[in-house]
Amino acid sequence: MEVKQRKPQNLGVLLIDFSPVVREGLGAILTKDERIKVIGDALDEHQALQYIKRASDQGQPVHVVLTETRSGKVDGVQATRLIKNEFPDVAVLVLTENPNDSYVIDAIHAGAGGYIFLKDMTPELLLQSIHRVVEGGTQMTTELLHTAVDNLIENGRKTLAERTTEGAHLTEREVDVLRLMGNGDSNKVIAETLSITLDTTKKHVRNVIDKLQARNRTHAAIIAAQAGIVGNPINGITQAKSELGSVT
C-alpha cells in the first residue's frame, strides 16, 4: 500500500541576514500565507544552525531557509552548504539581485533548492516557491537556469562527453522523470503526469540523482542540460536549455 506524502501543516521559514528593508518586505509577504510561520532572522549561518536545531527541539521545525548570495556578513553559498550538510531535509532558497550572479552554480552544488531574482520577485512567486521546494520541486527562472548552464560549461567541471557517458545508463523511464524534474515539478506532479505511484516516482528520482552523481534534483537538471541528456542531442545545449527553462 502506497504511503502518501504528508505536507506539514505549518511551514517554518528562517531568514538569514537580510537588510532591514528587504527583511520587512519579506516578512510582509510571508504573513499573507497563514500556513507559513517565520521562525526568526539569523545574523549569520552559524546562528541559523542554532535556530534550526532549537526550532526542531521545540516542535516547530524550519522547513525553508531564505538567504542571499552575498550580504554584509553571510556568504549564501557557504550558508547553504553548512545547512544542507547538517540538516539535509531543510530546503534553501537563495535570493539574488544580480541576474548574472556567478554564485548560481556553486549554490546548486551546495544543495540550494532554487534561486529567485529580487527584482522579479512577486509575493505570489515567493510563496509558491516556498511551497514548491518543500514538496520536492525546484525554483529557478529561465534566465537564471541559462546562466547556470553557461557557467557550468565555461567552468569546464566535466566535458559534455563525460557527462553524457554518466547519463547513458539512465533508463527510458528515468529520462522521462528527469525531464519533469527539469521543469521543477514535484514528485506528486511527476507521478500524476506519468501515471505511476508516488513511491515509484521517489525511487526514480533517487536513481536519477544517484546515477548523475548530483547533489539534489536541481543539480541533476543542470547536469542533464549541460550534457544534452534533456532535449534533442542534435540541437545540443540550446534545446536542453529551452526545455529545462520553463519552471516559473
Protein backbone atom coordinates (compact mmCIF):
# COMPACT_ATOMS: atom_id res chain seq x y z
CA MET A 1 0.00 0.00 0.00
CA GLU A 2 1.37 3.38 -1.01
CA VAL A 3 2.24 5.79 1.76
CA LYS A 4 1.07 9.27 0.88
CA GLN A 5 3.45 12.16 1.28
CA ARG A 6 2.15 14.39 4.05
CA LYS A 7 2.61 18.12 3.89
CA PRO A 8 3.50 19.87 7.14
CA GLN A 9 0.53 21.88 8.43
CA ASN A 10 2.73 24.86 9.15
CA LEU A 11 5.86 25.74 7.23
CA GLY A 12 8.66 27.17 9.33
CA VAL A 13 10.72 29.76 7.44
CA LEU A 14 14.03 31.19 8.63
CA LEU A 15 15.65 34.33 7.21
CA ILE A 16 19.41 34.94 7.24
CA ASP A 17 20.90 38.45 7.43
CA PHE A 18 18.70 40.46 5.07
CA SER A 19 18.84 44.24 5.08
CA PRO A 20 16.11 45.89 7.16
CA VAL A 21 14.17 46.98 4.07
CA VAL A 22 14.28 43.55 2.41
CA ARG A 23 13.55 41.79 5.70
CA GLU A 24 10.49 43.95 6.29
CA GLY A 25 9.25 43.28 2.77
CA LEU A 26 9.76 39.53 3.09
CA GLY A 27 8.00 39.50 6.45
CA ALA A 28 5.00 41.33 4.99
CA ILE A 29 4.76 38.81 2.16
CA LEU A 30 5.14 35.74 4.35
CA THR A 31 2.40 36.84 6.73
CA LYS A 32 -0.06 36.71 3.81
CA ASP A 33 0.09 32.90 3.92
CA GLU A 34 -1.41 31.54 7.12
CA ARG A 35 0.39 28.24 6.56
CA ILE A 36 3.79 29.93 6.91
CA LYS A 37 5.40 30.86 10.21
CA VAL A 38 8.57 32.94 10.35
CA ILE A 39 10.87 31.25 12.86
CA GLY A 40 13.37 34.08 13.07
CA ASP A 41 16.06 36.15 11.37
CA ALA A 42 19.56 34.77 11.94
CA LEU A 43 22.57 37.07 11.81
CA ASP A 44 24.74 34.52 10.04
CA GLU A 45 24.92 30.87 9.00
CA HIS A 46 26.16 29.72 12.42
CA GLN A 47 23.26 31.33 14.24
CA ALA A 48 20.97 29.84 11.57
CA LEU A 49 22.12 26.35 12.53
CA GLN A 50 21.32 27.13 16.17
CA TYR A 51 17.86 28.42 15.19
CA ILE A 52 17.12 25.29 13.16
CA LYS A 53 18.15 22.95 15.97
CA ARG A 54 16.26 24.88 18.64
CA ALA A 55 13.13 25.15 16.50
CA SER A 56 13.19 21.40 15.87
CA ASP A 57 13.60 20.68 19.58
CA GLN A 58 10.59 22.91 20.29
CA GLY A 59 8.37 21.07 17.81
CA GLN A 60 8.22 23.82 15.17
CA PRO A 61 10.89 22.78 12.66
CA VAL A 62 12.37 25.01 9.99
CA HIS A 63 11.35 23.77 6.55
CA VAL A 64 12.79 26.53 4.35
CA VAL A 65 15.70 28.94 4.78
CA LEU A 66 15.83 32.18 2.77
CA THR A 67 19.24 33.73 2.25
CA GLU A 68 21.09 35.93 -0.22
CA THR A 69 24.10 35.03 -2.32
CA ARG A 70 26.11 37.71 -0.59
CA SER A 71 25.35 40.13 2.21
CA GLY A 72 27.25 42.04 4.85
CA LYS A 73 28.10 39.02 6.98
CA VAL A 74 26.89 35.98 5.06
CA ASP A 75 28.13 34.02 2.08
CA GLY A 76 24.92 32.38 0.87
CA VAL A 77 26.78 29.50 -0.75
CA GLN A 78 28.63 28.66 2.45
CA ALA A 79 25.42 29.04 4.45
CA THR A 80 23.65 26.64 2.08
CA ARG A 81 26.46 24.10 2.33
CA LEU A 82 26.51 24.15 6.14
CA ILE A 83 22.72 23.90 6.44
CA LYS A 84 22.39 21.06 3.94
CA ASN A 85 25.26 19.12 5.48
CA GLU A 86 23.76 19.26 8.96
CA PHE A 87 20.06 19.41 8.09
CA PRO A 88 19.58 17.79 4.65
CA ASP A 89 15.77 17.92 4.89
CA VAL A 90 15.73 21.71 5.20
CA ALA A 91 15.23 23.43 1.83
CA VAL A 92 17.21 26.55 0.96
CA LEU A 93 16.02 29.30 -1.38
CA VAL A 94 18.68 31.81 -2.37
CA LEU A 95 17.67 35.33 -3.38
CA THR A 96 19.90 37.43 -5.61
CA GLU A 97 19.95 40.96 -7.01
CA ASN A 98 22.32 40.09 -9.86
CA PRO A 99 20.85 38.31 -12.92
CA ASN A 100 24.37 37.17 -13.86
CA ASP A 101 25.34 36.02 -10.42
CA SER A 102 28.35 33.72 -10.69
CA TYR A 103 27.39 32.05 -7.42
CA VAL A 104 24.42 30.31 -9.04
CA ILE A 105 26.14 27.04 -9.87
CA ASP A 106 28.07 26.97 -6.59
CA ALA A 107 24.85 27.24 -4.60
CA ILE A 108 23.32 24.42 -6.64
CA HIS A 109 26.35 22.28 -5.89
CA ALA A 110 25.92 23.20 -2.23
CA GLY A 111 22.33 21.95 -2.29
CA ALA A 112 20.14 25.01 -2.86
CA GLY A 113 16.63 24.12 -3.99
CA GLY A 114 16.33 27.22 -6.14
CA TYR A 115 17.00 30.86 -6.82
CA ILE A 116 14.79 33.92 -7.12
CA PHE A 117 15.72 37.34 -8.52
CA LEU A 118 14.76 40.04 -6.04
CA LYS A 119 13.92 42.45 -8.86
CA ASP A 120 11.47 39.96 -10.37
CA MET A 121 10.06 38.58 -7.16
CA THR A 122 6.35 38.94 -6.54
CA PRO A 123 4.53 37.88 -3.37
CA GLU A 124 2.88 35.08 -5.31
CA LEU A 125 6.20 33.79 -6.69
CA LEU A 126 7.88 33.77 -3.29
CA LEU A 127 5.01 31.94 -1.58
CA GLN A 128 4.67 29.43 -4.44
CA SER A 129 8.42 28.82 -4.40
CA ILE A 130 8.44 28.07 -0.68
CA HIS A 131 5.68 25.51 -1.06
CA ARG A 132 7.30 24.08 -4.19
CA VAL A 133 10.68 23.33 -2.60
CA VAL A 134 9.02 21.81 0.48
CA GLU A 135 7.08 19.47 -1.80
CA GLY A 136 10.29 18.40 -3.53
CA GLY A 137 10.20 20.68 -6.55
CA THR A 138 12.73 23.29 -7.63
CA GLN A 139 12.55 27.00 -8.33
CA MET A 140 14.70 28.60 -10.99
CA THR A 141 13.85 31.22 -13.58
CA THR A 142 14.57 30.62 -17.25
CA GLU A 143 17.23 33.31 -17.42
CA LEU A 144 18.95 32.08 -14.30
CA LEU A 145 18.93 28.48 -15.46
CA HIS A 146 20.55 29.51 -18.73
CA THR A 147 23.22 31.42 -16.82
CA ALA A 148 23.90 28.40 -14.62
CA VAL A 149 24.31 26.12 -17.61
CA ASP A 150 26.63 28.62 -19.29
CA ASN A 151 28.71 28.84 -16.12
CA LEU A 152 28.96 25.07 -15.93
CA ILE A 153 30.27 24.90 -19.48
CA GLU A 154 32.70 27.78 -19.00
CA ASN A 155 34.00 26.34 -15.74
CA GLY A 156 34.66 23.05 -17.53
CA ARG A 157 33.95 20.92 -14.47
CA LYS A 158 33.33 18.00 -16.82
CA THR A 159 33.13 17.75 -20.58
CA LEU A 160 29.89 17.07 -22.40
CA ALA A 161 31.18 13.65 -23.37
CA GLU A 162 31.93 12.75 -19.75
CA ARG A 163 28.51 13.90 -18.57
CA THR A 164 26.79 12.08 -21.43
CA THR A 165 28.65 8.90 -20.53
CA GLU A 166 27.46 9.25 -16.95
CA GLY A 167 23.91 9.69 -18.15
CA ALA A 168 23.96 6.88 -20.72
CA HIS A 169 22.76 4.29 -18.22
CA LEU A 170 19.55 6.14 -17.37
CA THR A 171 16.52 4.06 -18.27
CA GLU A 172 13.83 5.43 -20.57
CA ARG A 173 11.53 5.99 -17.61
CA GLU A 174 14.28 7.75 -15.66
CA VAL A 175 14.80 10.12 -18.59
CA ASP A 176 11.06 10.89 -18.53
CA VAL A 177 11.34 11.63 -14.83
CA LEU A 178 14.44 13.77 -15.39
CA ARG A 179 12.65 15.90 -17.98
CA LEU A 180 9.88 16.64 -15.50
CA MET A 181 12.42 17.32 -12.74
CA GLY A 182 13.90 19.87 -15.12
CA ASN A 183 10.52 21.60 -15.23
CA GLY A 184 10.66 21.97 -11.45
CA ASP A 185 7.79 19.51 -10.97
CA SER A 186 7.26 17.95 -7.56
CA ASN A 187 7.14 14.20 -7.04
CA LYS A 188 3.35 14.36 -6.89
CA VAL A 189 3.10 16.13 -10.26
CA ILE A 190 5.60 13.72 -11.84
CA ALA A 191 3.60 10.75 -10.57
CA GLU A 192 0.36 12.15 -11.98
CA THR A 193 1.93 13.06 -15.32
CA LEU A 194 3.50 9.63 -15.84
CA SER A 195 0.59 7.71 -14.25
CA ILE A 196 2.83 5.99 -11.72
CA THR A 197 2.67 5.78 -7.93
CA LEU A 198 4.31 8.31 -5.67
CA ASP A 199 6.60 5.65 -4.20
CA THR A 200 7.74 4.63 -7.69
CA THR A 201 8.36 8.26 -8.56
CA LYS A 202 10.52 8.75 -5.47
CA LYS A 203 12.60 5.71 -6.42
CA HIS A 204 13.11 7.02 -9.96
CA VAL A 205 14.08 10.47 -8.70
CA ARG A 206 16.60 8.99 -6.28
CA ASN A 207 18.04 6.75 -9.01
CA VAL A 208 18.44 9.71 -11.38
CA ILE A 209 20.19 11.82 -8.75
CA ASP A 210 22.47 8.94 -7.77
CA LYS A 211 23.35 7.99 -11.35
CA LEU A 212 24.18 11.58 -12.28
CA GLN A 213 26.15 11.96 -9.05
CA ALA A 214 24.13 15.09 -8.37
CA ARG A 215 23.74 16.91 -5.06
CA ASN A 216 19.99 17.26 -5.48
CA ARG A 217 17.28 17.39 -8.15
CA THR A 218 18.15 20.93 -9.22
CA HIS A 219 21.76 19.93 -9.75
CA ALA A 220 20.59 16.87 -11.72
CA ALA A 221 18.60 19.08 -14.08
CA ILE A 222 21.63 21.32 -14.67
CA ILE A 223 23.88 18.33 -15.38
CA ALA A 224 21.30 16.99 -17.82
CA ALA A 225 21.15 20.33 -19.62
CA GLN A 226 24.91 20.57 -19.90
CA ALA A 227 25.24 17.04 -21.25
CA GLY A 228 22.34 17.33 -23.65
CA ILE A 229 20.58 14.46 -21.88
CA VAL A 230 17.45 16.57 -21.71
CA GLY A 231 16.35 17.63 -25.16
CA ASN A 232 17.31 16.60 -28.67
CA PRO A 233 21.04 15.71 -28.73
CA ILE A 234 21.27 17.10 -32.27
CA ASN A 235 20.34 20.53 -31.01
CA GLY A 236 22.67 20.21 -28.04
CA ILE A 237 22.68 22.61 -25.16
CA THR A 238 20.41 25.24 -26.72
CA GLN A 239 17.49 22.83 -26.93
CA ALA A 240 18.25 21.46 -23.47
CA LYS A 241 18.13 24.95 -22.03
CA SER A 242 14.81 25.62 -23.73
CA GLU A 243 13.23 22.50 -22.32
CA LEU A 244 14.57 22.98 -18.82
CA GLY A 245 13.92 26.68 -18.60
CA SER A 246 10.15 26.85 -18.21
CA VAL A 247 9.92 26.47 -14.45
CA THR A 248 8.49 29.80 -13.34
